[in-house]
Amino acid sequence: MLTRLNYLLDLLSEFIAHRKGLLPILGILIISGNFVIQFVPWFGWFADSNCLLHIGSIIAIVGILLGWAL
């Protein structure tokens, strides 16, 4: 079990090391999606809670930190 997890983590770190801007761009796209969703009244609570804004911010910050560390 731990060897598979170690192997998966190694693959993930290699993937992110070569694509340092992927997670921040993904976070910005999610934040932009939150901006668009706020104008559609059909989404209701999901738009009012700004859930995508918070998720996108976390992904972008983690992406910047991982890109800087790797």
Protein backbone atom coordinates (compact mmCIF):
# COMPACT_ATOMS: atom_id res chain seq x y z
CA MET A 1 0.00 0.00 0.00
CA LEU A 2 2.70 2.49 0.96
CA THR A 3 4.80 1.66 -2.08
CA ARG A 4 1.87 2.42 -4.39
CA LEU A 5 1.23 5.70 -2.58
CA ASN A 6 4.92 6.57 -2.78
CA TYR A 7 4.95 5.75 -6.50
CA LEU A 8 1.82 7.85 -7.11
CA LEU A 9 3.26 10.80 -5.19
CA ASP A 10 6.51 10.52 -7.17
CA LEU A 11 4.62 10.54 -10.47
CA LEU A 12 2.52 13.52 -9.36
CA SER A 13 5.55 15.53 -8.28
CA GLU A 14 7.32 14.81 -11.59
CA PHE A 15 4.21 15.86 -13.49
CA ILE A 16 3.85 19.14 -11.59
CA ALA A 17 7.59 19.88 -11.73
CA HIS A 18 7.47 20.05 -15.52
CA ARG A 19 4.17 22.00 -15.63
CA LYS A 20 4.61 24.65 -12.95
CA GLY A 21 1.86 26.94 -14.21
CA LEU A 22 -0.85 24.32 -14.61
CA LEU A 23 -2.40 24.56 -11.13
CA PRO A 24 -2.43 28.39 -10.97
CA ILE A 25 -4.05 28.55 -14.41
CA LEU A 26 -6.59 25.92 -13.36
CA GLY A 27 -7.35 27.95 -10.23
CA ILE A 28 -7.83 31.12 -12.29
CA LEU A 29 -10.20 29.28 -14.64
CA ILE A 30 -12.25 28.01 -11.68
CA ILE A 31 -12.40 31.54 -10.23
CA SER A 32 -13.53 32.84 -13.62
CA GLY A 33 -16.20 30.13 -13.68
CA ASN A 34 -17.43 31.41 -10.33
CA PHE A 35 -17.72 34.91 -11.81
CA VAL A 36 -19.86 33.60 -14.68
CA ILE A 37 -22.04 31.44 -12.42
CA GLN A 38 -23.02 34.45 -10.31
CA PHE A 39 -24.98 35.90 -13.23
CA VAL A 40 -27.05 32.74 -13.74
CA PRO A 41 -29.95 32.64 -11.24
CA TRP A 42 -30.46 28.91 -11.76
CA PHE A 43 -27.45 27.96 -9.58
CA GLY A 44 -28.91 29.46 -6.38
CA TRP A 45 -26.99 28.44 -3.26
CA PHE A 46 -23.92 27.32 -5.21
CA ALA A 47 -23.50 30.83 -6.64
CA ASP A 48 -24.32 32.57 -3.35
CA SER A 49 -21.75 30.61 -1.36
CA ASN A 50 -18.87 31.42 -3.78
CA CYS A 51 -17.74 27.81 -3.45
CA LEU A 52 -15.77 27.87 -6.71
CA LEU A 53 -14.04 31.08 -5.66
CA HIS A 54 -12.69 29.44 -2.52
CA ILE A 55 -11.72 26.19 -4.25
CA GLY A 56 -10.01 28.09 -7.09
CA SER A 57 -8.09 30.27 -4.64
CA ILE A 58 -6.84 27.25 -2.72
CA ILE A 59 -5.80 25.44 -5.91
CA ALA A 60 -3.97 28.52 -7.23
CA ILE A 61 -2.11 29.13 -3.95
CA VAL A 62 -1.12 25.47 -3.60
CA GLY A 63 0.00 25.47 -7.25
CA ILE A 64 2.20 28.52 -6.73
CA LEU A 65 3.73 27.00 -3.59
CA LEU A 66 4.37 23.65 -5.28
CA GLY A 67 5.81 25.31 -8.36
CA TRP A 68 8.16 27.33 -6.21
CA ALA A 69 9.23 24.29 -4.16
CA LEU A 70 9.76 21.98 -7.12
